[in-house]
Amino acid sequence: MMTHEQRAAKMYGGPPAAKAPAKPAAAKSAESMYPKSKPGQAGSNDAALASTFDRLEAWNRSNPEKLARVREQRAQLVPLLHAGSIDPRIVQELLSIHLEHETFKRSPEALAKRWEGPTGYAKVRSDAGDAVKAEQKIAATDRVLAVLAKAAPTFAHDVVMNGAAQHPRWIEIASAIAPSPVSTTATEK
């Protein structure tokens, strides 16, 4: 049986072409590319970051300033998420809300109207049960935003300015993770 090179030589009339030298393996090991999740978690925070920030990078690829800002935000969030013990599903949901608000910008007037309407503070209050619990959730969300502001200031600024921090689901999730040990020690070094 003839090899591919022999058939090519017979078909095209000439000696078989020299093989190109094998390239050295430049890929990282699977362990560094796909870090193991913590017990009880599905996926990794890297996947959640990629899901959001790959889209934002693609969206802003023609604007070098915005692209640099998105890449800076991603780089700032990586150490925070690796240092914290936040479930990747929670990270994915928070970043999805941020992505929605970044993709579909709302005016400050529209954000104020939403907060005053039935899908804003009224929703937070009804989900919490009463106004006191709603205020506690908002205060817990503010603590999470303060941690974000130290570790990833541009991301925290965008989350507040685009209205994602006012989204009732963002408030619900952020208030739930506020008491958990979220540390910025990785970014303070």
N, C-alpha and C. Protein backbone atom coordinates (compact mmCIF):
# COMPACT_ATOMS: atom_id res chain seq x y z
N MET A 1 0.84 -1.17 0.00
CA MET A 1 0.00 0.00 0.00
C MET A 1 0.89 1.24 0.00
N MET A 2 0.55 2.21 -0.83
CA MET A 2 1.35 3.43 -0.94
C MET A 2 0.93 4.44 0.13
N THR A 3 1.92 5.21 0.57
CA THR A 3 1.63 6.28 1.52
C THR A 3 1.12 7.49 0.75
N HIS A 4 0.65 8.44 1.49
CA HIS A 4 0.16 9.67 0.88
C HIS A 4 1.26 10.37 0.08
N GLU A 5 2.47 10.39 0.65
CA GLU A 5 3.58 11.05 -0.04
C GLU A 5 3.93 10.34 -1.35
N GLN A 6 3.89 9.00 -1.33
CA GLN A 6 4.21 8.24 -2.54
C GLN A 6 3.14 8.47 -3.61
N ARG A 7 1.87 8.51 -3.19
CA ARG A 7 0.80 8.79 -4.16
C ARG A 7 0.95 10.19 -4.74
N ALA A 8 1.29 11.16 -3.89
CA ALA A 8 1.48 12.53 -4.36
C ALA A 8 2.64 12.60 -5.33
N ALA A 9 3.73 11.89 -5.04
CA ALA A 9 4.88 11.90 -5.93
C ALA A 9 4.52 11.28 -7.27
N LYS A 10 3.78 10.19 -7.26
CA LYS A 10 3.37 9.54 -8.50
C LYS A 10 2.40 10.43 -9.28
N MET A 11 1.47 11.06 -8.55
CA MET A 11 0.45 11.88 -9.20
C MET A 11 1.05 13.16 -9.79
N TYR A 12 1.93 13.81 -9.06
CA TYR A 12 2.47 15.08 -9.51
C TYR A 12 3.85 14.97 -10.12
N GLY A 13 4.40 13.78 -10.18
CA GLY A 13 5.67 13.55 -10.84
C GLY A 13 6.83 14.24 -10.19
N GLY A 14 7.38 13.70 -9.20
CA GLY A 14 8.54 14.27 -8.53
C GLY A 14 8.74 13.61 -7.18
N PRO A 15 9.85 13.95 -6.56
CA PRO A 15 10.11 13.35 -5.25
C PRO A 15 9.12 13.90 -4.22
N PRO A 16 8.84 13.13 -3.21
CA PRO A 16 7.93 13.64 -2.17
C PRO A 16 8.52 14.86 -1.50
N ALA A 17 7.65 15.77 -1.11
CA ALA A 17 8.08 17.00 -0.46
C ALA A 17 8.64 16.68 0.92
N ALA A 18 9.61 17.47 1.32
CA ALA A 18 10.21 17.28 2.64
C ALA A 18 9.19 17.67 3.71
N LYS A 19 9.20 16.90 4.76
CA LYS A 19 8.27 17.19 5.85
C LYS A 19 8.78 18.38 6.64
N ALA A 20 7.86 19.21 7.09
CA ALA A 20 8.20 20.34 7.93
C ALA A 20 8.60 19.84 9.31
N PRO A 21 9.57 20.49 9.94
CA PRO A 21 9.96 20.03 11.28
C PRO A 21 8.80 20.22 12.25
N ALA A 22 8.71 19.30 13.19
CA ALA A 22 7.64 19.38 14.17
C ALA A 22 7.85 20.60 15.06
N LYS A 23 6.77 21.31 15.35
CA LYS A 23 6.84 22.48 16.21
C LYS A 23 6.80 22.04 17.66
N PRO A 24 7.55 22.74 18.54
CA PRO A 24 7.50 22.37 19.95
C PRO A 24 6.13 22.69 20.54
N ALA A 25 5.73 21.92 21.50
CA ALA A 25 4.42 22.13 22.13
C ALA A 25 4.46 23.42 22.93
N ALA A 26 3.65 24.38 22.53
CA ALA A 26 3.62 25.67 23.20
C ALA A 26 2.42 25.80 24.12
N ALA A 27 1.57 24.79 24.14
CA ALA A 27 0.36 24.88 24.96
C ALA A 27 0.66 24.62 26.42
N LYS A 28 -0.06 25.25 27.27
CA LYS A 28 0.07 25.02 28.70
C LYS A 28 -0.54 23.68 29.06
N SER A 29 -0.21 23.22 30.22
CA SER A 29 -0.78 21.94 30.64
C SER A 29 -2.27 22.11 30.89
N ALA A 30 -2.98 21.03 30.83
CA ALA A 30 -4.43 21.08 31.03
C ALA A 30 -4.77 21.58 32.42
N GLU A 31 -3.92 21.30 33.39
CA GLU A 31 -4.20 21.74 34.77
C GLU A 31 -4.17 23.26 34.88
N SER A 32 -3.23 23.91 34.20
CA SER A 32 -3.16 25.37 34.29
C SER A 32 -4.22 26.03 33.41
N MET A 33 -4.62 25.36 32.34
CA MET A 33 -5.64 25.93 31.48
C MET A 33 -7.03 25.78 32.06
N TYR A 34 -7.27 24.66 32.72
CA TYR A 34 -8.58 24.36 33.28
C TYR A 34 -8.42 24.02 34.75
N PRO A 35 -8.33 25.05 35.62
CA PRO A 35 -8.12 24.76 37.04
C PRO A 35 -9.30 24.00 37.63
N LYS A 36 -8.99 23.19 38.64
CA LYS A 36 -10.03 22.41 39.29
C LYS A 36 -10.94 23.33 40.08
N SER A 37 -12.21 23.03 40.09
CA SER A 37 -13.16 23.78 40.88
C SER A 37 -13.06 23.36 42.34
N LYS A 38 -13.53 24.23 43.21
CA LYS A 38 -13.58 23.89 44.62
C LYS A 38 -14.69 22.87 44.83
N PRO A 39 -14.61 22.08 45.88
CA PRO A 39 -15.65 21.06 46.10
C PRO A 39 -17.05 21.67 46.14
N GLY A 40 -17.98 21.02 45.49
CA GLY A 40 -19.36 21.48 45.49
C GLY A 40 -19.67 22.53 44.45
N GLN A 41 -18.70 22.90 43.63
CA GLN A 41 -18.92 23.93 42.63
C GLN A 41 -18.99 23.31 41.25
N ALA A 42 -19.75 23.95 40.40
CA ALA A 42 -19.86 23.51 39.01
C ALA A 42 -19.17 24.55 38.14
N GLY A 43 -18.14 24.17 37.42
CA GLY A 43 -17.45 25.10 36.54
C GLY A 43 -16.38 25.86 37.29
N SER A 44 -15.87 26.91 36.68
CA SER A 44 -14.85 27.73 37.33
C SER A 44 -15.17 29.19 37.09
N ASN A 45 -14.60 30.03 37.94
CA ASN A 45 -14.81 31.47 37.78
C ASN A 45 -14.17 31.97 36.50
N ASP A 46 -13.15 31.27 36.02
CA ASP A 46 -12.52 31.66 34.75
C ASP A 46 -13.51 31.53 33.60
N ALA A 47 -14.34 30.51 33.64
CA ALA A 47 -15.36 30.35 32.60
C ALA A 47 -16.38 31.48 32.66
N ALA A 48 -16.75 31.88 33.87
CA ALA A 48 -17.70 32.99 34.01
C ALA A 48 -17.09 34.29 33.50
N LEU A 49 -15.82 34.52 33.83
CA LEU A 49 -15.13 35.72 33.33
C LEU A 49 -15.05 35.70 31.81
N ALA A 50 -14.69 34.55 31.26
CA ALA A 50 -14.58 34.44 29.81
C ALA A 50 -15.92 34.67 29.14
N SER A 51 -16.97 34.13 29.72
CA SER A 51 -18.30 34.28 29.13
C SER A 51 -18.69 35.74 28.98
N THR A 52 -18.37 36.54 29.97
CA THR A 52 -18.73 37.96 29.93
C THR A 52 -17.69 38.79 29.19
N PHE A 53 -16.45 38.66 29.59
CA PHE A 53 -15.44 39.57 29.06
C PHE A 53 -15.02 39.25 27.63
N ASP A 54 -15.13 38.01 27.19
CA ASP A 54 -14.88 37.73 25.77
C ASP A 54 -15.88 38.46 24.90
N ARG A 55 -17.13 38.49 25.33
CA ARG A 55 -18.16 39.21 24.56
C ARG A 55 -17.91 40.71 24.59
N LEU A 56 -17.55 41.24 25.76
CA LEU A 56 -17.29 42.67 25.84
C LEU A 56 -16.07 43.06 25.01
N GLU A 57 -15.05 42.20 25.00
CA GLU A 57 -13.87 42.48 24.16
C GLU A 57 -14.25 42.46 22.69
N ALA A 58 -15.05 41.50 22.29
CA ALA A 58 -15.49 41.44 20.89
C ALA A 58 -16.33 42.66 20.53
N TRP A 59 -17.18 43.06 21.44
CA TRP A 59 -18.07 44.21 21.22
C TRP A 59 -17.25 45.49 21.06
N ASN A 60 -16.14 45.61 21.78
CA ASN A 60 -15.34 46.84 21.79
C ASN A 60 -14.04 46.74 21.01
N ARG A 61 -13.91 45.74 20.14
CA ARG A 61 -12.63 45.53 19.45
C ARG A 61 -12.24 46.69 18.54
N SER A 62 -13.19 47.49 18.08
CA SER A 62 -12.85 48.61 17.21
C SER A 62 -12.54 49.89 17.98
N ASN A 63 -12.69 49.86 19.30
CA ASN A 63 -12.40 51.02 20.14
C ASN A 63 -11.26 50.66 21.09
N PRO A 64 -10.04 51.07 20.79
CA PRO A 64 -8.88 50.66 21.61
C PRO A 64 -8.98 51.09 23.08
N GLU A 65 -9.56 52.25 23.36
CA GLU A 65 -9.67 52.70 24.75
C GLU A 65 -10.62 51.82 25.55
N LYS A 66 -11.78 51.53 24.99
CA LYS A 66 -12.75 50.69 25.68
C LYS A 66 -12.23 49.26 25.80
N LEU A 67 -11.55 48.79 24.77
CA LEU A 67 -10.98 47.44 24.80
C LEU A 67 -9.94 47.34 25.93
N ALA A 68 -9.10 48.35 26.06
CA ALA A 68 -8.10 48.35 27.13
C ALA A 68 -8.78 48.38 28.50
N ARG A 69 -9.87 49.12 28.62
CA ARG A 69 -10.61 49.19 29.89
C ARG A 69 -11.22 47.84 30.24
N VAL A 70 -11.80 47.16 29.26
CA VAL A 70 -12.40 45.85 29.50
C VAL A 70 -11.33 44.85 29.92
N ARG A 71 -10.19 44.88 29.26
CA ARG A 71 -9.09 43.97 29.62
C ARG A 71 -8.55 44.29 31.00
N GLU A 72 -8.50 45.56 31.36
CA GLU A 72 -8.07 45.97 32.69
C GLU A 72 -9.05 45.44 33.75
N GLN A 73 -10.34 45.55 33.47
CA GLN A 73 -11.35 45.06 34.40
C GLN A 73 -11.19 43.55 34.62
N ARG A 74 -11.00 42.83 33.54
CA ARG A 74 -10.83 41.37 33.65
C ARG A 74 -9.61 41.05 34.50
N ALA A 75 -8.51 41.73 34.23
CA ALA A 75 -7.28 41.47 34.97
C ALA A 75 -7.43 41.80 36.46
N GLN A 76 -8.22 42.82 36.78
CA GLN A 76 -8.44 43.19 38.17
C GLN A 76 -9.34 42.18 38.89
N LEU A 77 -10.29 41.59 38.18
CA LEU A 77 -11.22 40.66 38.81
C LEU A 77 -10.62 39.28 39.05
N VAL A 78 -9.68 38.86 38.23
CA VAL A 78 -9.12 37.51 38.34
C VAL A 78 -8.58 37.23 39.74
N PRO A 79 -7.69 38.07 40.31
CA PRO A 79 -7.18 37.75 41.64
C PRO A 79 -8.27 37.75 42.72
N LEU A 80 -9.22 38.65 42.60
CA LEU A 80 -10.31 38.71 43.58
C LEU A 80 -11.13 37.43 43.57
N LEU A 81 -11.46 36.96 42.38
CA LEU A 81 -12.29 35.75 42.28
C LEU A 81 -11.52 34.50 42.66
N HIS A 82 -10.22 34.48 42.41
CA HIS A 82 -9.42 33.32 42.80
C HIS A 82 -9.19 33.31 44.31
N ALA A 83 -9.10 34.48 44.94
CA ALA A 83 -8.88 34.56 46.38
C ALA A 83 -10.17 34.29 47.15
N GLY A 84 -11.29 34.71 46.61
CA GLY A 84 -12.57 34.51 47.29
C GLY A 84 -13.09 33.10 47.08
N SER A 85 -14.08 32.76 47.87
CA SER A 85 -14.67 31.43 47.75
C SER A 85 -16.11 31.58 47.25
N ILE A 86 -16.24 32.20 46.11
CA ILE A 86 -17.56 32.46 45.54
C ILE A 86 -17.87 31.39 44.50
N ASP A 87 -19.04 30.85 44.60
CA ASP A 87 -19.50 29.82 43.67
C ASP A 87 -19.52 30.39 42.25
N PRO A 88 -18.97 29.67 41.27
CA PRO A 88 -18.96 30.17 39.89
C PRO A 88 -20.36 30.47 39.33
N ARG A 89 -21.37 29.77 39.81
CA ARG A 89 -22.73 30.05 39.32
C ARG A 89 -23.16 31.45 39.73
N ILE A 90 -22.78 31.87 40.94
CA ILE A 90 -23.10 33.21 41.42
C ILE A 90 -22.33 34.25 40.61
N VAL A 91 -21.05 33.98 40.39
CA VAL A 91 -20.23 34.90 39.59
C VAL A 91 -20.81 35.04 38.19
N GLN A 92 -21.23 33.91 37.61
CA GLN A 92 -21.81 33.93 36.27
C GLN A 92 -23.06 34.80 36.23
N GLU A 93 -23.91 34.67 37.23
CA GLU A 93 -25.15 35.45 37.23
C GLU A 93 -24.88 36.94 37.41
N LEU A 94 -23.97 37.29 38.32
CA LEU A 94 -23.63 38.71 38.51
C LEU A 94 -23.02 39.30 37.24
N LEU A 95 -22.10 38.56 36.62
CA LEU A 95 -21.47 39.07 35.40
C LEU A 95 -22.45 39.12 34.24
N SER A 96 -23.43 38.22 34.21
CA SER A 96 -24.45 38.27 33.15
C SER A 96 -25.31 39.51 33.27
N ILE A 97 -25.64 39.88 34.50
CA ILE A 97 -26.41 41.12 34.72
C ILE A 97 -25.58 42.32 34.27
N HIS A 98 -24.29 42.30 34.62
CA HIS A 98 -23.40 43.38 34.19
C HIS A 98 -23.32 43.44 32.66
N LEU A 99 -23.17 42.28 32.03
CA LEU A 99 -23.08 42.24 30.57
C LEU A 99 -24.34 42.80 29.92
N GLU A 100 -25.49 42.42 30.44
CA GLU A 100 -26.76 42.94 29.89
C GLU A 100 -26.80 44.46 29.99
N HIS A 101 -26.39 44.99 31.13
CA HIS A 101 -26.43 46.44 31.31
C HIS A 101 -25.35 47.16 30.51
N GLU A 102 -24.23 46.51 30.26
CA GLU A 102 -23.20 47.11 29.42
C GLU A 102 -23.62 47.09 27.95
N THR A 103 -24.26 46.02 27.56
CA THR A 103 -24.66 45.86 26.16
C THR A 103 -25.82 46.76 25.80
N PHE A 104 -26.80 46.83 26.68
CA PHE A 104 -28.00 47.64 26.45
C PHE A 104 -28.01 48.78 27.45
N LYS A 105 -27.28 49.83 27.11
CA LYS A 105 -27.13 50.98 28.01
C LYS A 105 -28.48 51.65 28.25
N ARG A 106 -28.67 52.08 29.49
CA ARG A 106 -29.87 52.81 29.86
C ARG A 106 -29.47 54.21 30.30
N SER A 107 -30.33 55.16 30.06
CA SER A 107 -30.05 56.53 30.47
C SER A 107 -30.22 56.64 31.99
N PRO A 108 -29.59 57.65 32.60
CA PRO A 108 -29.79 57.84 34.04
C PRO A 108 -31.26 58.04 34.41
N GLU A 109 -32.00 58.68 33.51
CA GLU A 109 -33.44 58.88 33.77
C GLU A 109 -34.18 57.55 33.77
N ALA A 110 -33.84 56.68 32.82
CA ALA A 110 -34.47 55.36 32.75
C ALA A 110 -34.13 54.52 33.97
N LEU A 111 -32.88 54.62 34.44
CA LEU A 111 -32.47 53.88 35.63
C LEU A 111 -33.21 54.38 36.87
N ALA A 112 -33.35 55.71 36.97
CA ALA A 112 -34.09 56.28 38.10
C ALA A 112 -35.56 55.86 38.06
N LYS A 113 -36.13 55.87 36.87
CA LYS A 113 -37.53 55.47 36.73
C LYS A 113 -37.72 54.00 37.09
N ARG A 114 -36.78 53.14 36.67
CA ARG A 114 -36.87 51.72 37.02
C ARG A 114 -36.77 51.53 38.53
N TRP A 115 -35.84 52.24 39.19
CA TRP A 115 -35.66 52.09 40.63
C TRP A 115 -36.92 52.52 41.39
N GLU A 116 -37.57 53.56 40.90
CA GLU A 116 -38.78 54.05 41.58
C GLU A 116 -40.01 53.23 41.23
N GLY A 117 -39.96 52.48 40.16
CA GLY A 117 -41.11 51.70 39.70
C GLY A 117 -41.20 50.34 40.37
N PRO A 118 -42.09 49.50 39.86
CA PRO A 118 -42.34 48.19 40.48
C PRO A 118 -41.20 47.19 40.29
N THR A 119 -40.28 47.45 39.37
CA THR A 119 -39.17 46.51 39.16
C THR A 119 -37.89 46.97 39.85
N GLY A 120 -37.96 47.99 40.69
CA GLY A 120 -36.79 48.50 41.38
C GLY A 120 -36.87 48.22 42.87
N TYR A 121 -36.91 49.31 43.65
CA TYR A 121 -36.93 49.17 45.10
C TYR A 121 -38.15 48.40 45.58
N ALA A 122 -39.28 48.60 44.93
CA ALA A 122 -40.50 47.87 45.33
C ALA A 122 -40.30 46.36 45.21
N LYS A 123 -39.60 45.91 44.20
CA LYS A 123 -39.32 44.48 44.03
C LYS A 123 -38.37 43.99 45.11
N VAL A 124 -37.33 44.77 45.39
CA VAL A 124 -36.39 44.40 46.45
C VAL A 124 -37.13 44.30 47.78
N ARG A 125 -37.98 45.28 48.06
CA ARG A 125 -38.73 45.28 49.32
C ARG A 125 -39.70 44.10 49.40
N SER A 126 -40.40 43.81 48.32
CA SER A 126 -41.36 42.70 48.36
C SER A 126 -40.63 41.35 48.47
N ASP A 127 -39.47 41.21 47.81
CA ASP A 127 -38.69 39.98 47.93
C ASP A 127 -38.13 39.81 49.34
N ALA A 128 -37.75 40.93 49.97
CA ALA A 128 -37.17 40.87 51.31
C ALA A 128 -38.23 40.65 52.38
N GLY A 129 -39.43 41.10 52.14
CA GLY A 129 -40.50 40.95 53.12
C GLY A 129 -40.93 42.25 53.76
N ASP A 130 -39.98 43.13 54.02
CA ASP A 130 -40.32 44.45 54.56
C ASP A 130 -39.19 45.44 54.25
N ALA A 131 -39.42 46.71 54.57
CA ALA A 131 -38.48 47.76 54.23
C ALA A 131 -37.16 47.64 55.00
N VAL A 132 -37.21 47.17 56.24
CA VAL A 132 -35.99 47.05 57.05
C VAL A 132 -35.06 46.00 56.44
N LYS A 133 -35.61 44.85 56.09
CA LYS A 133 -34.79 43.80 55.47
C LYS A 133 -34.27 44.25 54.11
N ALA A 134 -35.08 45.01 53.37
CA ALA A 134 -34.63 45.52 52.08
C ALA A 134 -33.45 46.47 52.26
N GLU A 135 -33.50 47.31 53.27
CA GLU A 135 -32.39 48.24 53.54
C GLU A 135 -31.14 47.47 53.96
N GLN A 136 -31.32 46.36 54.69
CA GLN A 136 -30.18 45.53 55.07
C GLN A 136 -29.54 44.90 53.84
N LYS A 137 -30.37 44.47 52.90
CA LYS A 137 -29.83 43.89 51.66
C LYS A 137 -29.08 44.94 50.85
N ILE A 138 -29.61 46.13 50.80
CA ILE A 138 -28.94 47.20 50.06
C ILE A 138 -27.62 47.56 50.74
N ALA A 139 -27.59 47.58 52.07
CA ALA A 139 -26.35 47.86 52.81
C ALA A 139 -25.32 46.75 52.56
N ALA A 140 -25.77 45.51 52.52
CA ALA A 140 -24.86 44.39 52.23
C ALA A 140 -24.31 44.50 50.81
N THR A 141 -25.16 44.92 49.88
CA THR A 141 -24.71 45.13 48.50
C THR A 141 -23.67 46.24 48.45
N ASP A 142 -23.86 47.27 49.23
CA ASP A 142 -22.88 48.36 49.28
C ASP A 142 -21.53 47.86 49.81
N ARG A 143 -21.56 46.92 50.76
CA ARG A 143 -20.30 46.35 51.26
C ARG A 143 -19.59 45.55 50.17
N VAL A 144 -20.35 44.82 49.39
CA VAL A 144 -19.76 44.07 48.27
C VAL A 144 -19.18 45.05 47.25
N LEU A 145 -19.90 46.11 46.96
CA LEU A 145 -19.39 47.12 46.02
C LEU A 145 -18.13 47.80 46.55
N ALA A 146 -18.03 47.96 47.88
CA ALA A 146 -16.82 48.56 48.47
C ALA A 146 -15.62 47.63 48.27
N VAL A 147 -15.83 46.32 48.43
CA VAL A 147 -14.75 45.35 48.18
C VAL A 147 -14.36 45.40 46.71
N LEU A 148 -15.36 45.46 45.84
CA LEU A 148 -15.09 45.55 44.40
C LEU A 148 -14.34 46.83 44.07
N ALA A 149 -14.71 47.93 44.71
CA ALA A 149 -14.07 49.21 44.42
C ALA A 149 -12.59 49.19 44.78
N LYS A 150 -12.22 48.43 45.82
CA LYS A 150 -10.80 48.33 46.20
C LYS A 150 -10.04 47.43 45.22
N ALA A 151 -10.67 46.32 44.84
CA ALA A 151 -9.97 45.33 44.01
C ALA A 151 -10.05 45.64 42.52
N ALA A 152 -11.20 46.12 42.08
CA ALA A 152 -11.42 46.37 40.65
C ALA A 152 -12.20 47.68 40.49
N PRO A 153 -11.53 48.82 40.66
CA PRO A 153 -12.25 50.10 40.68
C PRO A 153 -13.00 50.42 39.39
N THR A 154 -12.43 50.12 38.23
CA THR A 154 -13.14 50.45 36.99
C THR A 154 -14.38 49.58 36.82
N PHE A 155 -14.29 48.31 37.21
CA PHE A 155 -15.44 47.42 37.13
C PHE A 155 -16.53 47.89 38.08
N ALA A 156 -16.16 48.23 39.32
CA ALA A 156 -17.15 48.71 40.30
C ALA A 156 -17.83 49.98 39.80
N HIS A 157 -17.06 50.87 39.21
CA HIS A 157 -17.62 52.10 38.66
C HIS A 157 -18.63 51.80 37.56
N ASP A 158 -18.27 50.90 36.65
CA ASP A 158 -19.17 50.55 35.55
C ASP A 158 -20.44 49.87 36.05
N VAL A 159 -20.31 49.01 37.05
CA VAL A 159 -21.48 48.31 37.60
C VAL A 159 -22.47 49.30 38.19
N VAL A 160 -21.95 50.33 38.84
CA VAL A 160 -22.83 51.35 39.42
C VAL A 160 -23.40 52.25 38.33
N MET A 161 -22.56 52.68 37.41
CA MET A 161 -23.01 53.63 36.39
C MET A 161 -23.95 53.02 35.36
N ASN A 162 -23.77 51.74 35.03
CA ASN A 162 -24.66 51.15 34.02
C ASN A 162 -25.96 50.63 34.63
N GLY A 163 -26.09 50.68 35.96
CA GLY A 163 -27.34 50.31 36.61
C GLY A 163 -27.43 48.87 37.05
N ALA A 164 -26.39 48.07 36.80
CA ALA A 164 -26.44 46.66 37.21
C ALA A 164 -26.55 46.53 38.72
N ALA A 165 -25.91 47.45 39.48
CA ALA A 165 -25.94 47.39 40.93
C ALA A 165 -27.33 47.69 41.49
N GLN A 166 -28.20 48.28 40.69
CA GLN A 166 -29.57 48.55 41.12
C GLN A 166 -30.53 47.44 40.71
N HIS A 167 -30.06 46.49 39.95
CA HIS A 167 -30.92 45.40 39.50
C HIS A 167 -31.32 44.56 40.72
N PRO A 168 -32.61 44.27 40.91
CA PRO A 168 -33.04 43.52 42.09
C PRO A 168 -32.33 42.17 42.25
N ARG A 169 -32.06 41.48 41.17
CA ARG A 169 -31.38 40.19 41.28
C ARG A 169 -29.93 40.38 41.72
N TRP A 170 -29.25 41.43 41.22
CA TRP A 170 -27.88 41.75 41.65
C TRP A 170 -27.87 42.00 43.16
N ILE A 171 -28.84 42.80 43.63
CA ILE A 171 -28.92 43.11 45.07
C ILE A 171 -29.14 41.84 45.88
N GLU A 172 -30.03 40.97 45.40
CA GLU A 172 -30.32 39.71 46.09
C GLU A 172 -29.06 38.85 46.21
N ILE A 173 -28.34 38.70 45.12
CA ILE A 173 -27.14 37.85 45.11
C ILE A 173 -26.02 38.49 45.92
N ALA A 174 -25.77 39.77 45.69
CA ALA A 174 -24.67 40.44 46.39
C ALA A 174 -24.91 40.46 47.90
N SER A 175 -26.15 40.63 48.32
CA SER A 175 -26.43 40.62 49.75
C SER A 175 -26.23 39.23 50.34
N ALA A 176 -26.44 38.20 49.55
CA ALA A 176 -26.24 36.83 50.02
C ALA A 176 -24.76 36.48 50.17
N ILE A 177 -23.88 37.06 49.34
CA ILE A 177 -22.46 36.74 49.43
C ILE A 177 -21.70 37.73 50.31
N ALA A 178 -22.33 38.80 50.74
CA ALA A 178 -21.64 39.81 51.55
C ALA A 178 -21.03 39.24 52.83
N PRO A 179 -21.74 38.40 53.59
CA PRO A 179 -21.13 37.89 54.81
C PRO A 179 -20.04 36.85 54.56
N SER A 180 -20.00 36.28 53.36
CA SER A 180 -19.00 35.25 53.06
C SER A 180 -17.61 35.88 53.00
N PRO A 181 -16.58 35.09 53.20
CA PRO A 181 -15.21 35.63 53.23
C PRO A 181 -14.72 36.03 51.84
N VAL A 182 -14.99 37.24 51.45
CA VAL A 182 -14.47 37.78 50.20
C VAL A 182 -13.28 38.65 50.58
N SER A 183 -12.12 38.28 50.14
CA SER A 183 -10.90 38.95 50.54
C SER A 183 -10.23 39.61 49.36
N THR A 184 -9.54 40.71 49.63
CA THR A 184 -8.77 41.38 48.57
C THR A 184 -7.29 41.22 48.82
N THR A 185 -6.88 40.24 49.64
CA THR A 185 -5.46 40.08 49.94
C THR A 185 -4.63 39.82 48.71
N ALA A 186 -5.20 39.16 47.71
CA ALA A 186 -4.44 38.87 46.49
C ALA A 186 -4.15 40.14 45.70
N THR A 187 -5.01 41.15 45.85
CA THR A 187 -4.79 42.37 45.07
C THR A 187 -4.04 43.43 45.86
N GLU A 188 -3.88 43.24 47.19
CA GLU A 188 -3.20 44.24 47.99
C GLU A 188 -1.69 44.04 48.00
N LYS A 189 -1.20 42.94 47.48
CA LYS A 189 0.24 42.65 47.51
C LYS A 189 1.02 43.57 46.61
